[in-house]
Amino acid sequence: MYDQDNFSFWLWIAVILGVVVFVADYFLPSILTKLGGGSKRAAYGATIGLLLGLITGPYMIIGALLGAFIGDFTKNRDVAKSLKSSLMAVLGLFTGMIIKLIYTIAIPIFCIVDWLL
């Protein structure tokens, strides 16, 4: 049914890809905040807000949004720029969710196709 060498190779590929997706999901909000023109404080605030939101319940989106906003606002005192940074943090959060969803759907499909062939 399975070739042991081939199976272990694809299993390791799936595991490595899963770890990359998992790690990228936590860093995407801060990366997109930085790409959107936010300061380092906004990127750190987005990460801290995301983690605090994760601990306190289903408030990840609000935590990343407020963390990036507060972090950037303490740096430059510009509401518009801080709001843009915080929205980029939320965009990064949603992008990570979409990537995880695609990975979660793709792995079982890959296994079923591999099993059928």
PDB file of N, CA and C in Angstrom:
ATOM      1  N   MET A   1       0.815  -1.177   0.000  1.00  0.00           N
ATOM      2  CA  MET A   1       0.000   0.000   0.000  1.00  0.00           C
ATOM      3  C   MET A   1       0.870   1.256   0.000  1.00  0.00           C
ATOM      4  N   TYR A   2       1.706   1.440   1.034  1.00  0.00           N
ATOM      5  CA  TYR A   2       2.621   2.567   1.078  1.00  0.00           C
ATOM      6  C   TYR A   2       4.045   2.080   0.928  1.00  0.00           C
ATOM      7  N   ASP A   3       4.799   2.844   0.185  1.00  0.00           N
ATOM      8  CA  ASP A   3       6.236   2.605   0.136  1.00  0.00           C
ATOM      9  C   ASP A   3       6.827   3.341   1.334  1.00  0.00           C
ATOM     10  N   GLN A   4       7.490   2.615   2.204  1.00  0.00           N
ATOM     11  CA  GLN A   4       7.963   3.188   3.472  1.00  0.00           C
ATOM     12  C   GLN A   4       8.878   4.392   3.264  1.00  0.00           C
ATOM     13  N   ASP A   5       9.782   4.328   2.316  1.00  0.00           N
ATOM     14  CA  ASP A   5      10.690   5.450   2.081  1.00  0.00           C
ATOM     15  C   ASP A   5       9.953   6.673   1.552  1.00  0.00           C
ATOM     16  N   ASN A   6       9.049   6.452   0.611  1.00  0.00           N
ATOM     17  CA  ASN A   6       8.288   7.549   0.027  1.00  0.00           C
ATOM     18  C   ASN A   6       7.358   8.172   1.059  1.00  0.00           C
ATOM     19  N   PHE A   7       6.732   7.345   1.893  1.00  0.00           N
ATOM     20  CA  PHE A   7       5.810   7.846   2.894  1.00  0.00           C
ATOM     21  C   PHE A   7       6.537   8.721   3.919  1.00  0.00           C
ATOM     22  N   SER A   8       7.668   8.282   4.386  1.00  0.00           N
ATOM     23  CA  SER A   8       8.379   9.063   5.393  1.00  0.00           C
ATOM     24  C   SER A   8       8.884  10.388   4.806  1.00  0.00           C
ATOM     25  N   PHE A   9       9.271  10.389   3.536  1.00  0.00           N
ATOM     26  CA  PHE A   9       9.701  11.636   2.898  1.00  0.00           C
ATOM     27  C   PHE A   9       8.558  12.645   2.869  1.00  0.00           C
ATOM     28  N   TRP A  10       7.375  12.230   2.400  1.00  0.00           N
ATOM     29  CA  TRP A  10       6.243  13.144   2.300  1.00  0.00           C
ATOM     30  C   TRP A  10       5.704  13.529   3.670  1.00  0.00           C
ATOM     31  N   LEU A  11       5.834  12.619   4.620  1.00  0.00           N
ATOM     32  CA  LEU A  11       5.424  12.954   5.977  1.00  0.00           C
ATOM     33  C   LEU A  11       6.296  14.067   6.542  1.00  0.00           C
ATOM     34  N   TRP A  12       7.607  13.980   6.324  1.00  0.00           N
ATOM     35  CA  TRP A  12       8.504  15.031   6.806  1.00  0.00           C
ATOM     36  C   TRP A  12       8.254  16.353   6.090  1.00  0.00           C
ATOM     37  N   ILE A  13       7.939  16.288   4.798  1.00  0.00           N
ATOM     38  CA  ILE A  13       7.608  17.513   4.058  1.00  0.00           C
ATOM     39  C   ILE A  13       6.364  18.162   4.663  1.00  0.00           C
ATOM     40  N   ALA A  14       5.341  17.357   4.972  1.00  0.00           N
ATOM     41  CA  ALA A  14       4.112  17.890   5.565  1.00  0.00           C
ATOM     42  C   ALA A  14       4.373  18.462   6.954  1.00  0.00           C
ATOM     43  N   VAL A  15       5.206  17.803   7.737  1.00  0.00           N
ATOM     44  CA  VAL A  15       5.517  18.298   9.087  1.00  0.00           C
ATOM     45  C   VAL A  15       6.282  19.615   9.011  1.00  0.00           C
ATOM     46  N   ILE A  16       7.287  19.681   8.160  1.00  0.00           N
ATOM     47  CA  ILE A  16       8.071  20.914   8.027  1.00  0.00           C
ATOM     48  C   ILE A  16       7.194  22.059   7.522  1.00  0.00           C
ATOM     49  N   LEU A  17       6.354  21.773   6.543  1.00  0.00           N
ATOM     50  CA  LEU A  17       5.447  22.786   6.029  1.00  0.00           C
ATOM     51  C   LEU A  17       4.469  23.241   7.113  1.00  0.00           C
ATOM     52  N   GLY A  18       3.992  22.310   7.922  1.00  0.00           N
ATOM     53  CA  GLY A  18       3.093  22.658   9.022  1.00  0.00           C
ATOM     54  C   GLY A  18       3.759  23.557  10.051  1.00  0.00           C
ATOM     55  N   VAL A  19       5.012  23.278  10.374  1.00  0.00           N
ATOM     56  CA  VAL A  19       5.739  24.114  11.334  1.00  0.00           C
ATOM     57  C   VAL A  19       5.958  25.509  10.750  1.00  0.00           C
ATOM     58  N   VAL A  20       6.294  25.586   9.471  1.00  0.00           N
ATOM     59  CA  VAL A  20       6.493  26.892   8.825  1.00  0.00           C
ATOM     60  C   VAL A  20       5.189  27.695   8.840  1.00  0.00           C
ATOM     61  N   VAL A  21       4.075  27.039   8.528  1.00  0.00           N
ATOM     62  CA  VAL A  21       2.783  27.717   8.538  1.00  0.00           C
ATOM     63  C   VAL A  21       2.436  28.180   9.950  1.00  0.00           C
ATOM     64  N   PHE A  22       2.699  27.338  10.950  1.00  0.00           N
ATOM     65  CA  PHE A  22       2.406  27.678  12.335  1.00  0.00           C
ATOM     66  C   PHE A  22       3.213  28.889  12.794  1.00  0.00           C
ATOM     67  N   VAL A  23       4.498  28.898  12.493  1.00  0.00           N
ATOM     68  CA  VAL A  23       5.361  30.013  12.907  1.00  0.00           C
ATOM     69  C   VAL A  23       5.012  31.282  12.130  1.00  0.00           C
ATOM     70  N   ALA A  24       4.759  31.137  10.838  1.00  0.00           N
ATOM     71  CA  ALA A  24       4.434  32.308  10.009  1.00  0.00           C
ATOM     72  C   ALA A  24       3.139  32.959  10.473  1.00  0.00           C
ATOM     73  N   ASP A  25       2.215  32.163  10.981  1.00  0.00           N
ATOM     74  CA  ASP A  25       0.945  32.713  11.434  1.00  0.00           C
ATOM     75  C   ASP A  25       1.137  33.699  12.588  1.00  0.00           C
ATOM     76  N   TYR A  26       2.111  33.464  13.435  1.00  0.00           N
ATOM     77  CA  TYR A  26       2.336  34.367  14.559  1.00  0.00           C
ATOM     78  C   TYR A  26       3.176  35.583  14.192  1.00  0.00           C
ATOM     79  N   PHE A  27       3.952  35.496  13.127  1.00  0.00           N
ATOM     80  CA  PHE A  27       4.796  36.622  12.746  1.00  0.00           C
ATOM     81  C   PHE A  27       4.202  37.478  11.639  1.00  0.00           C
ATOM     82  N   LEU A  28       3.191  36.998  10.925  1.00  0.00           N
ATOM     83  CA  LEU A  28       2.611  37.769   9.825  1.00  0.00           C
ATOM     84  C   LEU A  28       2.021  39.111  10.263  1.00  0.00           C
ATOM     85  N   PRO A  29       1.307  39.190  11.394  1.00  0.00           N
ATOM     86  CA  PRO A  29       0.801  40.518  11.770  1.00  0.00           C
ATOM     87  C   PRO A  29       1.904  41.552  11.967  1.00  0.00           C
ATOM     88  N   SER A  30       2.985  41.166  12.612  1.00  0.00           N
ATOM     89  CA  SER A  30       4.055  42.150  12.828  1.00  0.00           C
ATOM     90  C   SER A  30       4.798  42.467  11.532  1.00  0.00           C
ATOM     91  N   ILE A  31       4.944  41.476  10.658  1.00  0.00           N
ATOM     92  CA  ILE A  31       5.624  41.713   9.378  1.00  0.00           C
ATOM     93  C   ILE A  31       4.806  42.663   8.502  1.00  0.00           C
ATOM     94  N   LEU A  32       3.498  42.409   8.404  1.00  0.00           N
ATOM     95  CA  LEU A  32       2.665  43.290   7.575  1.00  0.00           C
ATOM     96  C   LEU A  32       2.509  44.670   8.199  1.00  0.00           C
ATOM     97  N   THR A  33       2.547  44.746   9.523  1.00  0.00           N
ATOM     98  CA  THR A  33       2.525  46.054  10.175  1.00  0.00           C
ATOM     99  C   THR A  33       3.748  46.861   9.773  1.00  0.00           C
ATOM    100  N   LYS A  34       4.889  46.208   9.783  1.00  0.00           N
ATOM    101  CA  LYS A  34       6.141  46.875   9.399  1.00  0.00           C
ATOM    102  C   LYS A  34       6.108  47.259   7.913  1.00  0.00           C
ATOM    103  N   LEU A  35       5.585  46.360   7.056  1.00  0.00           N
ATOM    104  CA  LEU A  35       5.498  46.677   5.623  1.00  0.00           C
ATOM    105  C   LEU A  35       4.500  47.800   5.345  1.00  0.00           C
ATOM    106  N   GLY A  36       3.498  47.951   6.212  1.00  0.00           N
ATOM    107  CA  GLY A  36       2.503  49.000   6.037  1.00  0.00           C
ATOM    108  C   GLY A  36       2.952  50.354   6.539  1.00  0.00           C
ATOM    109  N   GLY A  37       4.201  50.462   6.966  1.00  0.00           N
ATOM    110  CA  GLY A  37       4.723  51.749   7.403  1.00  0.00           C
ATOM    111  C   GLY A  37       4.699  51.940   8.901  1.00  0.00           C
ATOM    112  N   GLY A  38       4.363  50.916   9.637  1.00  0.00           N
ATOM    113  CA  GLY A  38       4.341  51.023  11.086  1.00  0.00           C
ATOM    114  C   GLY A  38       5.739  50.970  11.682  1.00  0.00           C
ATOM    115  N   SER A  39       5.846  51.432  12.898  1.00  0.00           N
ATOM    116  CA  SER A  39       7.140  51.436  13.574  1.00  0.00           C
ATOM    117  C   SER A  39       7.408  50.061  14.196  1.00  0.00           C
ATOM    118  N   LYS A  40       8.604  49.910  14.760  1.00  0.00           N
ATOM    119  CA  LYS A  40       8.922  48.667  15.457  1.00  0.00           C
ATOM    120  C   LYS A  40       8.013  48.484  16.654  1.00  0.00           C
ATOM    121  N   ARG A  41       7.659  49.577  17.300  1.00  0.00           N
ATOM    122  CA  ARG A  41       6.748  49.492  18.440  1.00  0.00           C
ATOM    123  C   ARG A  41       5.389  48.950  18.012  1.00  0.00           C
ATOM    124  N   ALA A  42       4.935  49.323  16.824  1.00  0.00           N
ATOM    125  CA  ALA A  42       3.660  48.813  16.329  1.00  0.00           C
ATOM    126  C   ALA A  42       3.756  47.310  16.064  1.00  0.00           C
ATOM    127  N   ALA A  43       4.875  46.883  15.486  1.00  0.00           N
ATOM    128  CA  ALA A  43       5.059  45.449  15.226  1.00  0.00           C
ATOM    129  C   ALA A  43       5.126  44.669  16.530  1.00  0.00           C
ATOM    130  N   TYR A  44       5.862  45.201  17.515  1.00  0.00           N
ATOM    131  CA  TYR A  44       5.927  44.541  18.821  1.00  0.00           C
ATOM    132  C   TYR A  44       4.565  44.572  19.509  1.00  0.00           C
ATOM    133  N   GLY A  45       3.881  45.680  19.388  1.00  0.00           N
ATOM    134  CA  GLY A  45       2.546  45.795  19.986  1.00  0.00           C
ATOM    135  C   GLY A  45       1.562  44.824  19.380  1.00  0.00           C
ATOM    136  N   ALA A  46       1.649  44.626  18.066  1.00  0.00           N
ATOM    137  CA  ALA A  46       0.766  43.665  17.409  1.00  0.00           C
ATOM    138  C   ALA A  46       1.032  42.252  17.915  1.00  0.00           C
ATOM    139  N   THR A  47       2.301  41.905  18.071  1.00  0.00           N
ATOM    140  CA  THR A  47       2.653  40.570  18.562  1.00  0.00           C
ATOM    141  C   THR A  47       2.228  40.400  20.014  1.00  0.00           C
ATOM    142  N   ILE A  48       2.499  41.382  20.845  1.00  0.00           N
ATOM    143  CA  ILE A  48       2.118  41.286  22.253  1.00  0.00           C
ATOM    144  C   ILE A  48       0.592  41.262  22.390  1.00  0.00           C
ATOM    145  N   GLY A  49      -0.090  42.105  21.651  1.00  0.00           N
ATOM    146  CA  GLY A  49      -1.551  42.117  21.688  1.00  0.00           C
ATOM    147  C   GLY A  49      -2.150  40.812  21.202  1.00  0.00           C
ATOM    148  N   LEU A  50      -1.538  40.223  20.187  1.00  0.00           N
ATOM    149  CA  LEU A  50      -2.005  38.934  19.679  1.00  0.00           C
ATOM    150  C   LEU A  50      -1.847  37.859  20.740  1.00  0.00           C
ATOM    151  N   LEU A  51      -0.701  37.819  21.385  1.00  0.00           N
ATOM    152  CA  LEU A  51      -0.462  36.803  22.413  1.00  0.00           C
ATOM    153  C   LEU A  51      -1.352  37.025  23.632  1.00  0.00           C
ATOM    154  N   LEU A  52      -1.526  38.266  24.057  1.00  0.00           N
ATOM    155  CA  LEU A  52      -2.421  38.540  25.181  1.00  0.00           C
ATOM    156  C   LEU A  52      -3.865  38.209  24.820  1.00  0.00           C
ATOM    157  N   GLY A  53      -4.258  38.513  23.608  1.00  0.00           N
ATOM    158  CA  GLY A  53      -5.604  38.165  23.156  1.00  0.00           C
ATOM    159  C   GLY A  53      -5.816  36.669  23.079  1.00  0.00           C
ATOM    160  N   LEU A  54      -4.755  35.957  22.758  1.00  0.00           N
ATOM    161  CA  LEU A  54      -4.827  34.499  22.701  1.00  0.00           C
ATOM    162  C   LEU A  54      -5.008  33.917  24.091  1.00  0.00           C
ATOM    163  N   ILE A  55      -4.341  34.498  25.076  1.00  0.00           N
ATOM    164  CA  ILE A  55      -4.427  34.010  26.449  1.00  0.00           C
ATOM    165  C   ILE A  55      -5.779  34.350  27.071  1.00  0.00           C
ATOM    166  N   THR A  56      -6.280  35.535  26.806  1.00  0.00           N
ATOM    167  CA  THR A  56      -7.498  35.996  27.467  1.00  0.00           C
ATOM    168  C   THR A  56      -8.773  35.518  26.791  1.00  0.00           C
ATOM    169  N   GLY A  57      -8.687  34.794  25.741  1.00  0.00           N
ATOM    170  CA  GLY A  57      -9.879  34.305  25.062  1.00  0.00           C
ATOM    171  C   GLY A  57      -9.844  34.619  23.584  1.00  0.00           C
ATOM    172  N   PRO A  58     -11.004  34.637  22.971  1.00  0.00           N
ATOM    173  CA  PRO A  58     -11.039  34.842  21.510  1.00  0.00           C
ATOM    174  C   PRO A  58     -10.929  36.304  21.098  1.00  0.00           C
ATOM    175  N   TYR A  59      -9.963  37.004  21.659  1.00  0.00           N
ATOM    176  CA  TYR A  59      -9.785  38.417  21.362  1.00  0.00           C
ATOM    177  C   TYR A  59      -8.486  38.680  20.620  1.00  0.00           C
ATOM    178  N   MET A  60      -8.057  37.738  19.792  1.00  0.00           N
ATOM    179  CA  MET A  60      -6.803  37.897  19.055  1.00  0.00           C
ATOM    180  C   MET A  60      -6.851  39.097  18.120  1.00  0.00           C
ATOM    181  N   ILE A  61      -7.963  39.257  17.435  1.00  0.00           N
ATOM    182  CA  ILE A  61      -8.080  40.338  16.456  1.00  0.00           C
ATOM    183  C   ILE A  61      -8.044  41.691  17.162  1.00  0.00           C
ATOM    184  N   ILE A  62      -8.818  41.813  18.234  1.00  0.00           N
ATOM    185  CA  ILE A  62      -8.842  43.061  18.987  1.00  0.00           C
ATOM    186  C   ILE A  62      -7.480  43.319  19.631  1.00  0.00           C
ATOM    187  N   GLY A  63      -6.844  42.257  20.136  1.00  0.00           N
ATOM    188  CA  GLY A  63      -5.535  42.414  20.767  1.00  0.00           C
ATOM    189  C   GLY A  63      -4.482  42.893  19.786  1.00  0.00           C
ATOM    190  N   ALA A  64      -4.445  42.293  18.592  1.00  0.00           N
ATOM    191  CA  ALA A  64      -3.471  42.719  17.579  1.00  0.00           C
ATOM    192  C   ALA A  64      -3.764  44.143  17.110  1.00  0.00           C
ATOM    193  N   LEU A  65      -5.036  44.459  16.938  1.00  0.00           N
ATOM    194  CA  LEU A  65      -5.427  45.797  16.494  1.00  0.00           C
ATOM    195  C   LEU A  65      -5.027  46.851  17.530  1.00  0.00           C
ATOM    196  N   LEU A  66      -5.400  46.632  18.778  1.00  0.00           N
ATOM    197  CA  LEU A  66      -5.074  47.604  19.825  1.00  0.00           C
ATOM    198  C   LEU A  66      -3.579  47.661  20.119  1.00  0.00           C
ATOM    199  N   GLY A  67      -2.923  46.500  20.100  1.00  0.00           N
ATOM    200  CA  GLY A  67      -1.487  46.485  20.362  1.00  0.00           C
ATOM    201  C   GLY A  67      -0.708  47.268  19.334  1.00  0.00           C
ATOM    202  N   ALA A  68      -1.037  47.081  18.065  1.00  0.00           N
ATOM    203  CA  ALA A  68      -0.348  47.823  17.006  1.00  0.00           C
ATOM    204  C   ALA A  68      -0.680  49.311  17.077  1.00  0.00           C
ATOM    205  N   PHE A  69      -1.940  49.613  17.362  1.00  0.00           N
ATOM    206  CA  PHE A  69      -2.333  51.025  17.441  1.00  0.00           C
ATOM    207  C   PHE A  69      -1.620  51.726  18.594  1.00  0.00           C
ATOM    208  N   ILE A  70      -1.645  51.128  19.764  1.00  0.00           N
ATOM    209  CA  ILE A  70      -1.009  51.740  20.931  1.00  0.00           C
ATOM    210  C   ILE A  70       0.505  51.846  20.732  1.00  0.00           C
ATOM    211  N   GLY A  71       1.099  50.778  20.199  1.00  0.00           N
ATOM    212  CA  GLY A  71       2.536  50.798  19.969  1.00  0.00           C
ATOM    213  C   GLY A  71       2.958  51.891  19.005  1.00  0.00           C
ATOM    214  N   ASP A  72       2.221  52.047  17.903  1.00  0.00           N
ATOM    215  CA  ASP A  72       2.586  53.066  16.919  1.00  0.00           C
ATOM    216  C   ASP A  72       2.223  54.471  17.408  1.00  0.00           C
ATOM    217  N   PHE A  73       1.115  54.574  18.143  1.00  0.00           N
ATOM    218  CA  PHE A  73       0.693  55.888  18.619  1.00  0.00           C
ATOM    219  C   PHE A  73       1.661  56.450  19.657  1.00  0.00           C
ATOM    220  N   THR A  74       2.267  55.569  20.463  1.00  0.00           N
ATOM    221  CA  THR A  74       3.252  56.062  21.436  1.00  0.00           C
ATOM    222  C   THR A  74       4.526  56.535  20.750  1.00  0.00           C
ATOM    223  N   LYS A  75       4.756  56.081  19.535  1.00  0.00           N
ATOM    224  CA  LYS A  75       5.965  56.472  18.800  1.00  0.00           C
ATOM    225  C   LYS A  75       5.789  57.796  18.053  1.00  0.00           C
ATOM    226  N   ASN A  76       4.661  57.935  17.304  1.00  0.00           N
ATOM    227  CA  ASN A  76       4.580  59.098  16.409  1.00  0.00           C
ATOM    228  C   ASN A  76       3.384  60.022  16.640  1.00  0.00           C
ATOM    229  N   ARG A  77       2.446  59.659  17.498  1.00  0.00           N
ATOM    230  CA  ARG A  77       1.291  60.509  17.830  1.00  0.00           C
ATOM    231  C   ARG A  77       0.438  60.897  16.624  1.00  0.00           C
ATOM    232  N   ASP A  78       0.413  60.045  15.597  1.00  0.00           N
ATOM    233  CA  ASP A  78      -0.410  60.288  14.413  1.00  0.00           C
ATOM    234  C   ASP A  78      -1.484  59.210  14.353  1.00  0.00           C
ATOM    235  N   VAL A  79      -2.738  59.616  14.516  1.00  0.00           N
ATOM    236  CA  VAL A  79      -3.834  58.656  14.585  1.00  0.00           C
ATOM    237  C   VAL A  79      -4.008  57.921  13.258  1.00  0.00           C
ATOM    238  N   ALA A  80      -3.931  58.624  12.148  1.00  0.00           N
ATOM    239  CA  ALA A  80      -4.144  57.999  10.840  1.00  0.00           C
ATOM    240  C   ALA A  80      -3.077  56.940  10.548  1.00  0.00           C
ATOM    241  N   LYS A  81      -1.835  57.269  10.817  1.00  0.00           N
ATOM    242  CA  LYS A  81      -0.753  56.314  10.572  1.00  0.00           C
ATOM    243  C   LYS A  81      -0.848  55.123  11.531  1.00  0.00           C
ATOM    244  N   SER A  82      -1.222  55.397  12.765  1.00  0.00           N
ATOM    245  CA  SER A  82      -1.378  54.315  13.742  1.00  0.00           C
ATOM    246  C   SER A  82      -2.532  53.405  13.366  1.00  0.00           C
ATOM    247  N   LEU A  83      -3.602  53.973  12.851  1.00  0.00           N
ATOM    248  CA  LEU A  83      -4.744  53.170  12.422  1.00  0.00           C
ATOM    249  C   LEU A  83      -4.377  52.298  11.222  1.00  0.00           C
ATOM    250  N   LYS A  84      -3.603  52.858  10.296  1.00  0.00           N
ATOM    251  CA  LYS A  84      -3.150  52.076   9.144  1.00  0.00           C
ATOM    252  C   LYS A  84      -2.275  50.916   9.598  1.00  0.00           C
ATOM    253  N   SER A  85      -1.387  51.161  10.538  1.00  0.00           N
ATOM    254  CA  SER A  85      -0.526  50.102  11.059  1.00  0.00           C
ATOM    255  C   SER A  85      -1.347  49.006  11.723  1.00  0.00           C
ATOM    256  N   SER A  86      -2.342  49.413  12.494  1.00  0.00           N
ATOM    257  CA  SER A  86      -3.152  48.410  13.183  1.00  0.00           C
ATOM    258  C   SER A  86      -4.015  47.614  12.205  1.00  0.00           C
ATOM    259  N   LEU A  87      -4.501  48.244  11.153  1.00  0.00           N
ATOM    260  CA  LEU A  87      -5.275  47.507  10.148  1.00  0.00           C
ATOM    261  C   LEU A  87      -4.388  46.528   9.376  1.00  0.00           C
ATOM    262  N   MET A  88      -3.138  46.906   9.149  1.00  0.00           N
ATOM    263  CA  MET A  88      -2.203  45.964   8.504  1.00  0.00           C
ATOM    264  C   MET A  88      -1.917  44.775   9.412  1.00  0.00           C
ATOM    265  N   ALA A  89      -1.891  45.003  10.715  1.00  0.00           N
ATOM    266  CA  ALA A  89      -1.707  43.899  11.658  1.00  0.00           C
ATOM    267  C   ALA A  89      -2.875  42.921  11.577  1.00  0.00           C
ATOM    268  N   VAL A  90      -4.091  43.447  11.488  1.00  0.00           N
ATOM    269  CA  VAL A  90      -5.268  42.591  11.371  1.00  0.00           C
ATOM    270  C   VAL A  90      -5.264  41.874  10.022  1.00  0.00           C
ATOM    271  N   LEU A  91      -4.830  42.546   8.974  1.00  0.00           N
ATOM    272  CA  LEU A  91      -4.701  41.890   7.674  1.00  0.00           C
ATOM    273  C   LEU A  91      -3.713  40.729   7.750  1.00  0.00           C
ATOM    274  N   GLY A  92      -2.612  40.931   8.459  1.00  0.00           N
ATOM    275  CA  GLY A  92      -1.648  39.846   8.657  1.00  0.00           C
ATOM    276  C   GLY A  92      -2.244  38.690   9.429  1.00  0.00           C
ATOM    277  N   LEU A  93      -3.086  39.003  10.403  1.00  0.00           N
ATOM    278  CA  LEU A  93      -3.757  37.957  11.179  1.00  0.00           C
ATOM    279  C   LEU A  93      -4.691  37.141  10.290  1.00  0.00           C
ATOM    280  N   PHE A  94      -5.487  37.825   9.470  1.00  0.00           N
ATOM    281  CA  PHE A  94      -6.384  37.110   8.559  1.00  0.00           C
ATOM    282  C   PHE A  94      -5.628  36.333   7.491  1.00  0.00           C
ATOM    283  N   THR A  95      -4.514  36.881   7.023  1.00  0.00           N
ATOM    284  CA  THR A  95      -3.695  36.164   6.046  1.00  0.00           C
ATOM    285  C   THR A  95      -3.163  34.867   6.642  1.00  0.00           C
ATOM    286  N   GLY A  96      -2.712  34.918   7.879  1.00  0.00           N
ATOM    287  CA  GLY A  96      -2.255  33.704   8.554  1.00  0.00           C
ATOM    288  C   GLY A  96      -3.363  32.687   8.709  1.00  0.00           C
ATOM    289  N   MET A  97      -4.572  33.151   9.017  1.00  0.00           N
ATOM    290  CA  MET A  97      -5.708  32.233   9.144  1.00  0.00           C
ATOM    291  C   MET A  97      -6.030  31.558   7.819  1.00  0.00           C
ATOM    292  N   ILE A  98      -5.965  32.312   6.741  1.00  0.00           N
ATOM    293  CA  ILE A  98      -6.255  31.751   5.414  1.00  0.00           C
ATOM    294  C   ILE A  98      -5.184  30.732   5.029  1.00  0.00           C
ATOM    295  N   ILE A  99      -3.926  31.029   5.325  1.00  0.00           N
ATOM    296  CA  ILE A  99      -2.850  30.080   5.016  1.00  0.00           C
ATOM    297  C   ILE A  99      -3.035  28.786   5.803  1.00  0.00           C
ATOM    298  N   LYS A 100      -3.401  28.901   7.089  1.00  0.00           N
ATOM    299  CA  LYS A 100      -3.641  27.700   7.897  1.00  0.00           C
ATOM    300  C   LYS A 100      -4.837  26.913   7.371  1.00  0.00           C
ATOM    301  N   LEU A 101      -5.873  27.612   6.933  1.00  0.00           N
ATOM    302  CA  LEU A 101      -7.043  26.933   6.380  1.00  0.00           C
ATOM    303  C   LEU A 101      -6.685  26.164   5.109  1.00  0.00           C
ATOM    304  N   ILE A 102      -5.911  26.786   4.232  1.00  0.00           N
ATOM    305  CA  ILE A 102      -5.486  26.117   2.996  1.00  0.00           C
ATOM    306  C   ILE A 102      -4.643  24.893   3.324  1.00  0.00           C
ATOM    307  N   TYR A 103      -3.738  25.020   4.274  1.00  0.00           N
ATOM    308  CA  TYR A 103      -2.897  23.885   4.684  1.00  0.00           C
ATOM    309  C   TYR A 103      -3.751  22.766   5.275  1.00  0.00           C
ATOM    310  N   THR A 104      -4.702  23.134   6.112  1.00  0.00           N
ATOM    311  CA  THR A 104      -5.556  22.144   6.759  1.00  0.00           C
ATOM    312  C   THR A 104      -6.427  21.399   5.757  1.00  0.00           C
ATOM    313  N   ILE A 105      -6.849  22.055   4.718  1.00  0.00           N
ATOM    314  CA  ILE A 105      -7.653  21.390   3.686  1.00  0.00           C
ATOM    315  C   ILE A 105      -6.765  20.584   2.749  1.00  0.00           C
ATOM    316  N   ALA A 106      -5.580  21.081   2.447  1.00  0.00           N
ATOM    317  CA  ALA A 106      -4.712  20.435   1.460  1.00  0.00           C
ATOM    318  C   ALA A 106      -4.123  19.121   1.962  1.00  0.00           C
ATOM    319  N   ILE A 107      -3.758  19.033   3.231  1.00  0.00           N
ATOM    320  CA  ILE A 107      -3.103  17.825   3.733  1.00  0.00           C
ATOM    321  C   ILE A 107      -4.018  16.598   3.657  1.00  0.00           C
ATOM    322  N   PRO A 108      -5.279  16.640   4.123  1.00  0.00           N
ATOM    323  CA  PRO A 108      -6.126  15.450   3.960  1.00  0.00           C
ATOM    324  C   PRO A 108      -6.393  15.093   2.499  1.00  0.00           C
ATOM    325  N   ILE A 109      -6.538  16.107   1.650  1.00  0.00           N
ATOM    326  CA  ILE A 109      -6.753  15.824   0.225  1.00  0.00           C
ATOM    327  C   ILE A 109      -5.527  15.124  -0.351  1.00  0.00           C
ATOM    328  N   PHE A 110      -4.343  15.626   0.001  1.00  0.00           N
ATOM    329  CA  PHE A 110      -3.109  14.986  -0.458  1.00  0.00           C
ATOM    330  C   PHE A 110      -3.027  13.534   0.020  1.00  0.00           C
ATOM    331  N   CYS A 111      -3.384  13.297   1.265  1.00  0.00           N
ATOM    332  CA  CYS A 111      -3.331  11.922   1.801  1.00  0.00           C
ATOM    333  C   CYS A 111      -4.325  11.006   1.108  1.00  0.00           C
ATOM    334  N   ILE A 112      -5.519  11.485   0.837  1.00  0.00           N
ATOM    335  CA  ILE A 112      -6.529  10.672   0.158  1.00  0.00           C
ATOM    336  C   ILE A 112      -6.098  10.371  -1.266  1.00  0.00           C
ATOM    337  N   VAL A 113      -5.607  11.375  -1.978  1.00  0.00           N
ATOM    338  CA  VAL A 113      -5.133  11.152  -3.339  1.00  0.00           C
ATOM    339  C   VAL A 113      -3.964  10.183  -3.365  1.00  0.00           C
ATOM    340  N   ASP A 114      -3.052  10.334  -2.409  1.00  0.00           N
ATOM    341  CA  ASP A 114      -1.903   9.431  -2.328  1.00  0.00           C
ATOM    342  C   ASP A 114      -2.360   8.009  -2.013  1.00  0.00           C
ATOM    343  N   TRP A 115      -3.349   7.876  -1.162  1.00  0.00           N
ATOM    344  CA  TRP A 115      -3.876   6.551  -0.801  1.00  0.00           C
ATOM    345  C   TRP A 115      -4.571   5.891  -1.985  1.00  0.00           C
ATOM    346  N   LEU A 116      -5.312   6.682  -2.796  1.00  0.00           N
ATOM    347  CA  LEU A 116      -6.028   6.137  -3.936  1.00  0.00           C
ATOM    348  C   LEU A 116      -5.109   5.739  -5.077  1.00  0.00           C
ATOM    349  N   LEU A 117      -3.984   6.413  -5.205  1.00  0.00           N
ATOM    350  CA  LEU A 117      -3.064   6.100  -6.284  1.00  0.00           C
ATOM    351  C   LEU A 117      -2.106   5.077  -5.779  1.00  0.00           C
TER     352      LEU A 117
END
